[in-house]
């Protein structure tokens, strides 16, 4: 494994891949999953309760998962 690499489980990857293309917003995730992704710096609150947005780091991870 590359030093500093973030290892995500299938549930994490599935949720991050569900980000809205235009706004990068995410919804509908268990609090545990949100807390883990937030602790890794991948998401941040988007303003409305239960709505999260990918951070710059989260966007990089998403692009890597998409092969972009």
Protein backbone atom coordinates (compact mmCIF):
# COMPACT_ATOMS: atom_id res chain seq x y z
CA UNK A 1 0.00 0.00 0.00
CA UNK A 2 1.18 3.53 -0.72
CA UNK A 3 2.07 5.50 2.40
CA UNK A 4 -0.74 7.92 3.25
CA UNK A 5 -3.24 6.11 1.02
CA UNK A 6 -6.87 6.08 2.15
CA UNK A 7 -8.41 2.62 2.18
CA UNK A 8 -12.19 2.71 1.80
CA UNK A 9 -14.69 -0.08 2.24
CA UNK A 10 -17.34 -0.91 -0.32
CA UNK A 11 -19.99 1.01 1.62
CA UNK A 12 -17.82 4.14 1.66
CA UNK A 13 -17.08 3.89 -2.06
CA UNK A 14 -20.73 3.32 -2.93
CA UNK A 15 -21.84 6.40 -0.96
CA UNK A 16 -19.12 8.65 -2.41
CA UNK A 17 -20.03 7.51 -5.92
CA UNK A 18 -23.61 8.65 -5.24
CA UNK A 19 -22.55 12.32 -5.06
CA UNK A 20 -24.69 14.59 -7.24
CA UNK A 21 -22.57 15.50 -10.30
CA UNK A 22 -23.28 19.26 -10.22
CA UNK A 23 -23.31 20.02 -6.49
CA UNK A 24 -21.17 17.13 -5.16
CA UNK A 25 -23.82 16.70 -2.45
CA UNK A 26 -24.45 13.41 -0.68
CA UNK A 27 -27.45 12.24 1.32
CA UNK A 28 -28.91 9.16 2.97
CA UNK A 29 -26.05 7.60 4.89
CA UNK A 30 -25.77 6.10 8.35
CA UNK A 31 -24.20 8.50 10.85
CA UNK A 32 -21.31 6.07 11.33
CA UNK A 33 -20.45 6.22 7.63
CA UNK A 34 -20.73 10.01 7.53
CA UNK A 35 -18.53 10.33 10.63
CA UNK A 36 -15.86 8.06 9.14
CA UNK A 37 -15.79 9.94 5.83
CA UNK A 38 -15.73 13.31 7.63
CA UNK A 39 -12.85 12.12 9.86
CA UNK A 40 -10.90 11.26 6.70
CA UNK A 41 -11.60 14.75 5.34
CA UNK A 42 -13.71 13.47 2.43
CA UNK A 43 -16.99 15.24 3.23
CA UNK A 44 -18.22 18.31 5.07
CA UNK A 45 -21.68 19.57 6.06
CA UNK A 46 -23.48 21.21 3.13
CA UNK A 47 -25.79 23.38 5.23
CA UNK A 48 -29.03 21.43 5.37
CA UNK A 49 -29.43 18.68 7.96
CA UNK A 50 -28.41 15.32 6.55
CA UNK A 51 -26.75 16.82 3.47
CA UNK A 52 -23.01 16.52 2.97
CA UNK A 53 -20.67 17.75 0.25
CA UNK A 54 -17.42 16.29 -1.03
CA UNK A 55 -14.33 18.22 0.01
CA UNK A 56 -11.44 18.80 -2.40
CA UNK A 57 -9.88 15.60 -1.06
CA UNK A 58 -13.17 13.74 -1.49
CA UNK A 59 -13.37 14.95 -5.08
CA UNK A 60 -9.86 13.65 -5.79
CA UNK A 61 -10.82 10.26 -4.34
CA UNK A 62 -14.02 10.23 -6.41
CA UNK A 63 -12.06 11.00 -9.59
CA UNK A 64 -9.61 8.20 -8.82
CA UNK A 65 -12.49 5.77 -8.32
CA UNK A 66 -13.98 6.87 -11.65
CA UNK A 67 -10.61 6.55 -13.39
CA UNK A 68 -10.62 10.21 -14.39
